[in-house]
PDB file of N, CA and C in Angstrom:
ATOM      1  N   ILE A   1    -123.291-118.394-180.673  1.00  0.00           N
ATOM      2  CA  ILE A   1    -123.783-119.455-179.804  1.00  0.00           C
ATOM      3  C   ILE A   1    -123.443-119.067-178.372  1.00  0.00           C
ATOM      4  N   ASP A   2    -124.466-118.943-177.585  1.00  0.00           N
ATOM      5  CA  ASP A   2    -124.286-118.459-176.220  1.00  0.00           C
ATOM      6  C   ASP A   2    -123.433-119.388-175.351  1.00  0.00           C
ATOM      7  N   ASN A   3    -123.616-120.681-175.493  1.00  0.00           N
ATOM      8  CA  ASN A   3    -122.882-121.631-174.653  1.00  0.00           C
ATOM      9  C   ASN A   3    -121.758-122.326-175.423  1.00  0.00           C
ATOM     10  N   ALA A   4    -121.116-121.606-176.326  1.00  0.00           N
ATOM     11  CA  ALA A   4    -120.050-122.187-177.152  1.00  0.00           C
ATOM     12  C   ALA A   4    -118.909-122.723-176.304  1.00  0.00           C
ATOM     13  N   ASP A   5    -118.588-122.029-175.211  1.00  0.00           N
ATOM     14  CA  ASP A   5    -117.491-122.503-174.368  1.00  0.00           C
ATOM     15  C   ASP A   5    -117.817-123.846-173.728  1.00  0.00           C
ATOM     16  N   GLU A   6    -119.056-124.041-173.327  1.00  0.00           N
ATOM     17  CA  GLU A   6    -119.456-125.326-172.740  1.00  0.00           C
ATOM     18  C   GLU A   6    -119.404-126.438-173.783  1.00  0.00           C
ATOM     19  N   LEU A   7    -119.894-126.144-174.974  1.00  0.00           N
ATOM     20  CA  LEU A   7    -119.886-127.142-176.044  1.00  0.00           C
ATOM     21  C   LEU A   7    -118.467-127.515-176.447  1.00  0.00           C
ATOM     22  N   LEU A   8    -117.613-126.517-176.613  1.00  0.00           N
ATOM     23  CA  LEU A   8    -116.226-126.788-177.004  1.00  0.00           C
ATOM     24  C   LEU A   8    -115.481-127.559-175.927  1.00  0.00           C
ATOM     25  N   GLU A   9    -115.759-127.226-174.691  1.00  0.00           N
ATOM     26  CA  GLU A   9    -115.048-127.869-173.586  1.00  0.00           C
ATOM     27  C   GLU A   9    -115.244-129.381-173.586  1.00  0.00           C
ATOM     28  N   THR A  10    -116.429-129.838-173.947  1.00  0.00           N
ATOM     29  CA  THR A  10    -116.668-131.289-173.987  1.00  0.00           C
ATOM     30  C   THR A  10    -115.830-131.946-175.076  1.00  0.00           C
ATOM     31  N   PHE A  11    -115.653-131.255-176.207  1.00  0.00           N
ATOM     32  CA  PHE A  11    -114.835-131.811-177.281  1.00  0.00           C
ATOM     33  C   PHE A  11    -113.344-131.752-176.952  1.00  0.00           C
ATOM     34  N   LEU A  12    -112.947-130.748-176.195  1.00  0.00           N
ATOM     35  CA  LEU A  12    -111.524-130.593-175.876  1.00  0.00           C
ATOM     36  C   LEU A  12    -111.013-131.672-174.933  1.00  0.00           C
ATOM     37  N   GLU A  13    -111.917-132.312-174.217  1.00  0.00           N
ATOM     38  CA  GLU A  13    -111.506-133.394-173.315  1.00  0.00           C
ATOM     39  C   GLU A  13    -110.891-134.554-174.083  1.00  0.00           C
ATOM     40  N   THR A  14    -111.321-134.747-175.320  1.00  0.00           N
ATOM     41  CA  THR A  14    -110.798-135.846-176.143  1.00  0.00           C
ATOM     42  C   THR A  14    -109.914-135.333-177.279  1.00  0.00           C
ATOM     43  N   PHE A  15    -109.426-134.104-177.173  1.00  0.00           N
ATOM     44  CA  PHE A  15    -108.631-133.493-178.237  1.00  0.00           C
ATOM     45  C   PHE A  15    -107.486-134.386-178.727  1.00  0.00           C
ATOM     46  N   PRO A  16    -106.657-134.950-177.847  1.00  0.00           N
ATOM     47  CA  PRO A  16    -105.528-135.767-178.349  1.00  0.00           C
ATOM     48  C   PRO A  16    -105.950-137.014-179.136  1.00  0.00           C
ATOM     49  N   GLU A  17    -107.141-137.533-178.873  1.00  0.00           N
ATOM     50  CA  GLU A  17    -107.597-138.745-179.561  1.00  0.00           C
ATOM     51  C   GLU A  17    -108.331-138.454-180.872  1.00  0.00           C
ATOM     52  N   GLU A  18    -108.659-137.205-181.121  1.00  0.00           N
ATOM     53  CA  GLU A  18    -109.420-136.848-182.325  1.00  0.00           C
ATOM     54  C   GLU A  18    -108.551-136.951-183.575  1.00  0.00           C
ATOM     55  N   THR A  19    -109.209-137.049-184.728  1.00  0.00           N
ATOM     56  CA  THR A  19    -108.487-137.085-185.998  1.00  0.00           C
ATOM     57  C   THR A  19    -107.916-135.691-186.289  1.00  0.00           C
ATOM     58  N   SER A  20    -106.962-135.625-187.188  1.00  0.00           N
ATOM     59  CA  SER A  20    -106.314-134.352-187.511  1.00  0.00           C
ATOM     60  C   SER A  20    -107.282-133.271-187.981  1.00  0.00           C
ATOM     61  N   PRO A  21    -108.210-133.571-188.899  1.00  0.00           N
ATOM     62  CA  PRO A  21    -109.146-132.504-189.303  1.00  0.00           C
ATOM     63  C   PRO A  21    -109.981-131.972-188.134  1.00  0.00           C
ATOM     64  N   VAL A  22    -110.377-132.847-187.233  1.00  0.00           N
ATOM     65  CA  VAL A  22    -111.161-132.414-186.073  1.00  0.00           C
ATOM     66  C   VAL A  22    -110.288-131.566-185.149  1.00  0.00           C
ATOM     67  N   GLN A  23    -109.046-131.957-184.951  1.00  0.00           N
ATOM     68  CA  GLN A  23    -108.134-131.176-184.114  1.00  0.00           C
ATOM     69  C   GLN A  23    -107.921-129.783-184.688  1.00  0.00           C
ATOM     70  N   LEU A  24    -107.755-129.692-186.003  1.00  0.00           N
ATOM     71  CA  LEU A  24    -107.579-128.387-186.643  1.00  0.00           C
ATOM     72  C   LEU A  24    -108.816-127.515-186.444  1.00  0.00           C
ATOM     73  N   GLN A  25    -109.989-128.106-186.579  1.00  0.00           N
ATOM     74  CA  GLN A  25    -111.226-127.342-186.386  1.00  0.00           C
ATOM     75  C   GLN A  25    -111.405-126.915-184.941  1.00  0.00           C
ATOM     76  N   LEU A  26    -111.071-127.803-184.003  1.00  0.00           N
ATOM     77  CA  LEU A  26    -111.171-127.450-182.587  1.00  0.00           C
ATOM     78  C   LEU A  26    -110.201-126.331-182.229  1.00  0.00           C
ATOM     79  N   LEU A  27    -109.003-126.392-182.779  1.00  0.00           N
ATOM     80  CA  LEU A  27    -108.018-125.340-182.541  1.00  0.00           C
ATOM     81  C   LEU A  27    -108.553-123.998-183.032  1.00  0.00           C
ATOM     82  N   THR A  28    -109.031-123.957-184.259  1.00  0.00           N
ATOM     83  CA  THR A  28    -109.545-122.719-184.825  1.00  0.00           C
ATOM     84  C   THR A  28    -110.771-122.219-184.064  1.00  0.00           C
ATOM     85  N   ALA A  29    -111.675-123.116-183.727  1.00  0.00           N
ATOM     86  CA  ALA A  29    -112.885-122.716-182.996  1.00  0.00           C
ATOM     87  C   ALA A  29    -112.541-122.152-181.620  1.00  0.00           C
ATOM     88  N   THR A  30    -111.565-122.755-180.954  1.00  0.00           N
ATOM     89  CA  THR A  30    -111.172-122.287-179.627  1.00  0.00           C
ATOM     90  C   THR A  30    -110.504-120.917-179.709  1.00  0.00           C
ATOM     91  N   VAL A  31    -109.678-120.714-180.713  1.00  0.00           N
ATOM     92  CA  VAL A  31    -109.037-119.402-180.896  1.00  0.00           C
ATOM     93  C   VAL A  31    -110.101-118.347-181.183  1.00  0.00           C
ATOM     94  N   LYS A  32    -111.058-118.663-182.049  1.00  0.00           N
ATOM     95  CA  LYS A  32    -112.126-117.709-182.354  1.00  0.00           C
ATOM     96  C   LYS A  32    -112.952-117.393-181.110  1.00  0.00           C
ATOM     97  N   LEU A  33    -113.257-118.409-180.327  1.00  0.00           N
ATOM     98  CA  LEU A  33    -114.005-118.181-179.088  1.00  0.00           C
ATOM     99  C   LEU A  33    -113.238-117.244-178.165  1.00  0.00           C
ATOM    100  N   PHE A  34    -111.944-117.496-178.006  1.00  0.00           N
ATOM    101  CA  PHE A  34    -111.120-116.658-177.138  1.00  0.00           C
ATOM    102  C   PHE A  34    -111.096-115.207-177.630  1.00  0.00           C
ATOM    103  N   LEU A  35    -110.994-115.013-178.946  1.00  0.00           N
ATOM    104  CA  LEU A  35    -110.944-113.657-179.486  1.00  0.00           C
ATOM    105  C   LEU A  35    -112.278-112.925-179.323  1.00  0.00           C
ATOM    106  N   LYS A  36    -113.366-113.662-179.409  1.00  0.00           N
ATOM    107  CA  LYS A  36    -114.683-113.036-179.276  1.00  0.00           C
ATOM    108  C   LYS A  36    -115.113-112.880-177.819  1.00  0.00           C
ATOM    109  N   LYS A  37    -114.585-113.740-176.950  1.00  0.00           N
ATOM    110  CA  LYS A  37    -115.012-113.755-175.548  1.00  0.00           C
ATOM    111  C   LYS A  37    -113.782-114.005-174.669  1.00  0.00           C
ATOM    112  N   PRO A  38    -112.916-113.001-174.507  1.00  0.00           N
ATOM    113  CA  PRO A  38    -111.648-113.204-173.780  1.00  0.00           C
ATOM    114  C   PRO A  38    -111.817-113.224-172.256  1.00  0.00           C
ATOM    115  N   THR A  39    -112.610-114.160-171.785  1.00  0.00           N
ATOM    116  CA  THR A  39    -112.796-114.315-170.344  1.00  0.00           C
ATOM    117  C   THR A  39    -111.905-115.435-169.840  1.00  0.00           C
ATOM    118  N   GLU A  40    -112.009-115.736-168.571  1.00  0.00           N
ATOM    119  CA  GLU A  40    -111.107-116.714-167.955  1.00  0.00           C
ATOM    120  C   GLU A  40    -111.276-118.123-168.525  1.00  0.00           C
ATOM    121  N   ARG A  41    -112.505-118.557-168.710  1.00  0.00           N
ATOM    122  CA  ARG A  41    -112.737-119.925-169.194  1.00  0.00           C
ATOM    123  C   ARG A  41    -112.156-120.150-170.597  1.00  0.00           C
ATOM    124  N   PRO A  42    -112.473-119.285-171.585  1.00  0.00           N
ATOM    125  CA  PRO A  42    -111.838-119.468-172.902  1.00  0.00           C
ATOM    126  C   PRO A  42    -110.318-119.332-172.858  1.00  0.00           C
ATOM    127  N   GLN A  43    -109.806-118.515-171.949  1.00  0.00           N
ATOM    128  CA  GLN A  43    -108.347-118.384-171.834  1.00  0.00           C
ATOM    129  C   GLN A  43    -107.731-119.704-171.373  1.00  0.00           C
ATOM    130  N   GLN A  44    -108.360-120.384-170.438  1.00  0.00           N
ATOM    131  CA  GLN A  44    -107.870-121.686-169.997  1.00  0.00           C
ATOM    132  C   GLN A  44    -107.970-122.705-171.123  1.00  0.00           C
ATOM    133  N   MET A  45    -109.059-122.615-171.878  1.00  0.00           N
ATOM    134  CA  MET A  45    -109.253-123.545-172.987  1.00  0.00           C
ATOM    135  C   MET A  45    -108.187-123.350-174.065  1.00  0.00           C
ATOM    136  N   ILE A  46    -107.891-122.090-174.389  1.00  0.00           N
ATOM    137  CA  ILE A  46    -106.898-121.836-175.438  1.00  0.00           C
ATOM    138  C   ILE A  46    -105.517-122.282-175.001  1.00  0.00           C
ATOM    139  N   GLN A  47    -105.191-122.111-173.740  1.00  0.00           N
ATOM    140  CA  GLN A  47    -103.895-122.574-173.240  1.00  0.00           C
ATOM    141  C   GLN A  47    -103.796-124.091-173.332  1.00  0.00           C
ATOM    142  N   LEU A  48    -104.860-124.787-173.016  1.00  0.00           N
ATOM    143  CA  LEU A  48    -104.872-126.249-173.105  1.00  0.00           C
ATOM    144  C   LEU A  48    -104.711-126.710-174.550  1.00  0.00           C
ATOM    145  N   VAL A  49    -105.478-126.110-175.448  1.00  0.00           N
ATOM    146  CA  VAL A  49    -105.429-126.513-176.854  1.00  0.00           C
ATOM    147  C   VAL A  49    -104.071-126.203-177.474  1.00  0.00           C
ATOM    148  N   LEU A  50    -103.553-125.017-177.228  1.00  0.00           N
ATOM    149  CA  LEU A  50    -102.242-124.668-177.791  1.00  0.00           C
ATOM    150  C   LEU A  50    -101.143-125.560-177.238  1.00  0.00           C
ATOM    151  N   SER A  51    -101.241-125.897-175.981  1.00  0.00           N
ATOM    152  CA  SER A  51    -100.257-126.797-175.382  1.00  0.00           C
ATOM    153  C   SER A  51    -100.327-128.182-176.029  1.00  0.00           C
ATOM    154  N   ASN A  52    -101.528-128.719-176.151  1.00  0.00           N
ATOM    155  CA  ASN A  52    -101.693-130.034-176.789  1.00  0.00           C
ATOM    156  C   ASN A  52    -101.246-130.012-178.241  1.00  0.00           C
ATOM    157  N   ALA A  53    -101.617-128.967-178.953  1.00  0.00           N
ATOM    158  CA  ALA A  53    -101.335-128.903-180.387  1.00  0.00           C
ATOM    159  C   ALA A  53     -99.863-128.669-180.692  1.00  0.00           C
ATOM    160  N   THR A  54     -99.120-128.070-179.774  1.00  0.00           N
ATOM    161  CA  THR A  54     -97.706-127.813-180.036  1.00  0.00           C
ATOM    162  C   THR A  54     -96.784-128.860-179.427  1.00  0.00           C
ATOM    163  N   GLN A  55     -97.212-129.501-178.354  1.00  0.00           N
ATOM    164  CA  GLN A  55     -96.322-130.418-177.650  1.00  0.00           C
ATOM    165  C   GLN A  55     -96.720-131.886-177.750  1.00  0.00           C
ATOM    166  N   GLU A  56     -97.994-132.153-177.990  1.00  0.00           N
ATOM    167  CA  GLU A  56     -98.471-133.535-177.918  1.00  0.00           C
ATOM    168  C   GLU A  56     -98.863-134.123-179.269  1.00  0.00           C
ATOM    169  N   THR A  57     -98.495-133.469-180.359  1.00  0.00           N
ATOM    170  CA  THR A  57     -98.923-133.959-181.670  1.00  0.00           C
ATOM    171  C   THR A  57     -97.737-134.223-182.585  1.00  0.00           C
ATOM    172  N   ASP A  58     -97.958-135.135-183.516  1.00  0.00           N
ATOM    173  CA  ASP A  58     -96.959-135.423-184.542  1.00  0.00           C
ATOM    174  C   ASP A  58     -97.353-134.775-185.874  1.00  0.00           C
ATOM    175  N   ASN A  59     -98.523-134.165-185.921  1.00  0.00           N
ATOM    176  CA  ASN A  59     -99.027-133.568-187.146  1.00  0.00           C
ATOM    177  C   ASN A  59     -98.394-132.183-187.342  1.00  0.00           C
ATOM    178  N   PRO A  60     -97.562-132.012-188.372  1.00  0.00           N
ATOM    179  CA  PRO A  60     -96.900-130.716-188.566  1.00  0.00           C
ATOM    180  C   PRO A  60     -97.872-129.589-188.909  1.00  0.00           C
ATOM    181  N   ASP A  61     -98.973-129.888-189.614  1.00  0.00           N
ATOM    182  CA  ASP A  61     -99.947-128.844-189.942  1.00  0.00           C
ATOM    183  C   ASP A  61    -100.604-128.294-188.683  1.00  0.00           C
ATOM    184  N   LEU A  62    -101.000-129.175-187.799  1.00  0.00           N
ATOM    185  CA  LEU A  62    -101.627-128.763-186.539  1.00  0.00           C
ATOM    186  C   LEU A  62    -100.635-127.984-185.677  1.00  0.00           C
ATOM    187  N   ARG A  63     -99.439-128.508-185.567  1.00  0.00           N
ATOM    188  CA  ARG A  63     -98.414-127.862-184.739  1.00  0.00           C
ATOM    189  C   ARG A  63     -98.063-126.475-185.280  1.00  0.00           C
ATOM    190  N   ASP A  64     -97.886-126.368-186.606  1.00  0.00           N
ATOM    191  CA  ASP A  64     -97.541-125.072-187.213  1.00  0.00           C
ATOM    192  C   ASP A  64     -98.663-124.055-187.039  1.00  0.00           C
ATOM    193  N   ARG A  65     -99.907-124.498-187.250  1.00  0.00           N
ATOM    194  CA  ARG A  65    -101.024-123.570-187.085  1.00  0.00           C
ATOM    195  C   ARG A  65    -101.129-123.111-185.634  1.00  0.00           C
ATOM    196  N   ALA A  66    -100.907-124.026-184.703  1.00  0.00           N
ATOM    197  CA  ALA A  66    -100.954-123.659-183.282  1.00  0.00           C
ATOM    198  C   ALA A  66     -99.865-122.648-182.947  1.00  0.00           C
ATOM    199  N   TYR A  67     -98.664-122.847-183.479  1.00  0.00           N
ATOM    200  CA  TYR A  67     -97.583-121.884-183.228  1.00  0.00           C
ATOM    201  C   TYR A  67     -97.899-120.516-183.838  1.00  0.00           C
ATOM    202  N   ILE A  68     -98.492-120.513-185.021  1.00  0.00           N
ATOM    203  CA  ILE A  68     -98.861-119.238-185.647  1.00  0.00           C
ATOM    204  C   ILE A  68     -99.899-118.514-184.795  1.00  0.00           C
ATOM    205  N   TYR A  69    -100.929-119.241-184.368  1.00  0.00           N
ATOM    206  CA  TYR A  69    -101.941-118.634-183.504  1.00  0.00           C
ATOM    207  C   TYR A  69    -101.318-118.128-182.206  1.00  0.00           C
ATOM    208  N   TRP A  70    -100.465-118.950-181.614  1.00  0.00           N
ATOM    209  CA  TRP A  70     -99.827-118.581-180.347  1.00  0.00           C
ATOM    210  C   TRP A  70     -99.029-117.287-180.516  1.00  0.00           C
ATOM    211  N   ARG A  71     -98.240-117.210-181.583  1.00  0.00           N
ATOM    212  CA  ARG A  71     -97.428-116.027-181.839  1.00  0.00           C
ATOM    213  C   ARG A  71     -98.310-114.806-182.071  1.00  0.00           C
ATOM    214  N   LEU A  72     -99.348-114.967-182.872  1.00  0.00           N
ATOM    215  CA  LEU A  72    -100.254-113.853-183.135  1.00  0.00           C
ATOM    216  C   LEU A  72    -100.925-113.359-181.849  1.00  0.00           C
ATOM    217  N   LEU A  73    -101.410-114.297-181.062  1.00  0.00           N
ATOM    218  CA  LEU A  73    -102.112-113.926-179.827  1.00  0.00           C
ATOM    219  C   LEU A  73    -101.181-113.282-178.802  1.00  0.00           C
ATOM    220  N   SER A  74     -99.958-113.745-178.750  1.00  0.00           N
ATOM    221  CA  SER A  74     -99.039-113.224-177.730  1.00  0.00           C
ATOM    222  C   SER A  74     -98.400-111.887-178.128  1.00  0.00           C
ATOM    223  N   THR A  75     -98.268-111.624-179.423  1.00  0.00           N
ATOM    224  CA  THR A  75     -97.623-110.383-179.832  1.00  0.00           C
ATOM    225  C   THR A  75     -98.605-109.255-180.122  1.00  0.00           C
ATOM    226  N   ASP A  76     -99.703-109.575-180.800  1.00  0.00           N
ATOM    227  CA  ASP A  76    -100.653-108.531-181.171  1.00  0.00           C
ATOM    228  C   ASP A  76    -102.063-109.106-181.284  1.00  0.00           C
ATOM    229  N   PRO A  77    -102.797-109.137-180.179  1.00  0.00           N
ATOM    230  CA  PRO A  77    -104.155-109.690-180.204  1.00  0.00           C
ATOM    231  C   PRO A  77    -105.092-108.984-181.195  1.00  0.00           C
ATOM    232  N   GLU A  78    -104.901-107.697-181.412  1.00  0.00           N
ATOM    233  CA  GLU A  78    -105.756-106.979-182.371  1.00  0.00           C
ATOM    234  C   GLU A  78    -105.479-107.445-183.800  1.00  0.00           C
ATOM    235  N   ALA A  79    -104.212-107.685-184.119  1.00  0.00           N
ATOM    236  CA  ALA A  79    -103.876-108.224-185.439  1.00  0.00           C
ATOM    237  C   ALA A  79    -104.442-109.634-185.586  1.00  0.00           C
ATOM    238  N   ALA A  80    -104.401-110.406-184.509  1.00  0.00           N
ATOM    239  CA  ALA A  80    -104.978-111.750-184.525  1.00  0.00           C
ATOM    240  C   ALA A  80    -106.465-111.671-184.837  1.00  0.00           C
ATOM    241  N   LYS A  81    -107.156-110.720-184.220  1.00  0.00           N
ATOM    242  CA  LYS A  81    -108.588-110.540-184.515  1.00  0.00           C
ATOM    243  C   LYS A  81    -108.794-110.198-185.983  1.00  0.00           C
ATOM    244  N   ASP A  82    -107.978-109.286-186.500  1.00  0.00           N
ATOM    245  CA  ASP A  82    -108.117-108.879-187.898  1.00  0.00           C
ATOM    246  C   ASP A  82    -107.903-110.048-188.852  1.00  0.00           C
ATOM    247  N   VAL A  83    -106.956-110.914-188.536  1.00  0.00           N
ATOM    248  CA  VAL A  83    -106.631-112.040-189.410  1.00  0.00           C
ATOM    249  C   VAL A  83    -107.639-113.175-189.246  1.00  0.00           C
ATOM    250  N   ILE A  84    -107.879-113.584-188.021  1.00  0.00           N
ATOM    251  CA  ILE A  84    -108.659-114.793-187.760  1.00  0.00           C
ATOM    252  C   ILE A  84    -110.161-114.559-187.893  1.00  0.00           C
ATOM    253  N   LEU A  85    -110.628-113.387-187.502  1.00  0.00           N
ATOM    254  CA  LEU A  85    -112.062-113.109-187.546  1.00  0.00           C
ATOM    255  C   LEU A  85    -112.485-112.314-188.777  1.00  0.00           C
ATOM    256  N   SER A  86    -111.601-112.191-189.743  1.00  0.00           N
ATOM    257  CA  SER A  86    -111.920-111.396-190.932  1.00  0.00           C
ATOM    258  C   SER A  86    -112.985-112.103-191.778  1.00  0.00           C
ATOM    259  N   GLU A  87    -113.642-111.297-192.591  1.00  0.00           N
ATOM    260  CA  GLU A  87    -114.647-111.822-193.512  1.00  0.00           C
ATOM    261  C   GLU A  87    -113.943-112.640-194.591  1.00  0.00           C
ATOM    262  N   LYS A  88    -114.379-113.850-194.792  1.00  0.00           N
ATOM    263  CA  LYS A  88    -113.763-114.733-195.778  1.00  0.00           C
ATOM    264  C   LYS A  88    -114.466-114.573-197.128  1.00  0.00           C
ATOM    265  N   PRO A  89    -113.699-114.572-198.225  1.00  0.00           N
ATOM    266  CA  PRO A  89    -114.339-114.449-199.543  1.00  0.00           C
ATOM    267  C   PRO A  89    -115.088-115.732-199.895  1.00  0.00           C
ATOM    268  N   ILE A  90    -116.108-115.578-200.697  1.00  0.00           N
ATOM    269  CA  ILE A  90    -116.882-116.729-201.162  1.00  0.00           C
ATOM    270  C   ILE A  90    -116.073-117.449-202.232  1.00  0.00           C
ATOM    271  N   ILE A  91    -115.984-118.743-202.101  1.00  0.00           N
ATOM    272  CA  ILE A  91    -115.261-119.545-203.083  1.00  0.00           C
ATOM    273  C   ILE A  91    -116.245-119.931-204.177  1.00  0.00           C
ATOM    274  N   ALA A  92    -115.897-119.604-205.403  1.00  0.00           N
ATOM    275  CA  ALA A  92    -116.788-119.863-206.528  1.00  0.00           C
ATOM    276  C   ALA A  92    -116.203-120.941-207.428  1.00  0.00           C
ATOM    277  N   ASP A  93    -117.080-121.736-207.985  1.00  0.00           N
ATOM    278  CA  ASP A  93    -116.688-122.773-208.929  1.00  0.00           C
ATOM    279  C   ASP A  93    -117.052-122.271-210.322  1.00  0.00           C
ATOM    280  N   ASP A  94    -116.049-121.904-211.091  1.00  0.00           N
ATOM    281  CA  ASP A  94    -116.323-121.361-212.417  1.00  0.00           C
ATOM    282  C   ASP A  94    -116.057-122.367-213.537  1.00  0.00           C
ATOM    283  N   THR A  95    -115.955-123.640-213.207  1.00  0.00           N
ATOM    284  CA  THR A  95    -115.705-124.638-214.247  1.00  0.00           C
ATOM    285  C   THR A  95    -116.876-124.759-215.211  1.00  0.00           C
ATOM    286  N   SER A  96    -118.094-124.416-214.765  1.00  0.00           N
ATOM    287  CA  SER A  96    -119.236-124.486-215.675  1.00  0.00           C
ATOM    288  C   SER A  96    -119.193-123.356-216.705  1.00  0.00           C
ATOM    289  N   ALA A  97    -118.398-122.325-216.462  1.00  0.00           N
ATOM    290  CA  ALA A  97    -118.285-121.219-217.410  1.00  0.00           C
ATOM    291  C   ALA A  97    -117.296-121.528-218.530  1.00  0.00           C
ATOM    292  N   LEU A  98    -116.511-122.593-218.386  1.00  0.00           N
ATOM    293  CA  LEU A  98    -115.537-122.973-219.401  1.00  0.00           C
ATOM    294  C   LEU A  98    -116.191-123.862-220.450  1.00  0.00           C
ATOM    295  N   GLU A  99    -115.658-123.783-221.642  1.00  0.00           N
ATOM    296  CA  GLU A  99    -116.185-124.632-222.710  1.00  0.00           C
ATOM    297  C   GLU A  99    -115.795-126.083-222.445  1.00  0.00           C
ATOM    298  N   PRO A 100    -116.692-127.015-222.723  1.00  0.00           N
ATOM    299  CA  PRO A 100    -116.404-128.447-222.470  1.00  0.00           C
ATOM    300  C   PRO A 100    -115.135-128.940-223.179  1.00  0.00           C
ATOM    301  N   GLU A 101    -114.852-128.392-224.358  1.00  0.00           N
ATOM    302  CA  GLU A 101    -113.649-128.811-225.084  1.00  0.00           C
ATOM    303  C   GLU A 101    -112.391-128.438-224.317  1.00  0.00           C
ATOM    304  N   MET A 102    -112.409-127.286-223.658  1.00  0.00           N
ATOM    305  CA  MET A 102    -111.254-126.854-222.899  1.00  0.00           C
ATOM    306  C   MET A 102    -111.034-127.771-221.684  1.00  0.00           C
ATOM    307  N   LEU A 103    -112.112-128.202-221.061  1.00  0.00           N
ATOM    308  CA  LEU A 103    -112.001-129.087-219.899  1.00  0.00           C
ATOM    309  C   LEU A 103    -111.457-130.454-220.291  1.00  0.00           C
ATOM    310  N   ASP A 104    -111.763-130.896-221.520  1.00  0.00           N
ATOM    311  CA  ASP A 104    -111.294-132.206-221.981  1.00  0.00           C
ATOM    312  C   ASP A 104    -109.800-132.215-222.263  1.00  0.00           C
ATOM    313  N   GLU A 105    -109.197-131.057-222.495  1.00  0.00           N
ATOM    314  CA  GLU A 105    -107.771-131.004-222.844  1.00  0.00           C
ATOM    315  C   GLU A 105    -106.898-131.317-221.690  1.00  0.00           C
TER     316      GLU A 105
END
């Protein structure tokens, strides 16, 4: 998305008021944007999000993920790219391959 930074920036204005799942998604999206486009604007955005997520939240999942991202980005940006931008495996539902009797147990 060519204007991803503009789109994300509008959502980041209300980051502290968003629900936890939305905050987690915004954090991840901002980190991915920064890794793919490490210019000044995404750098400012990532600093804002990491600051909010580590200092202004009571959600331990959000805070822990922000600290992990922060540590990865500050120590080894290439490793961060390998971890965060890696190809994700397809999640398959194999419950239909099981016999119905086994599922009932």
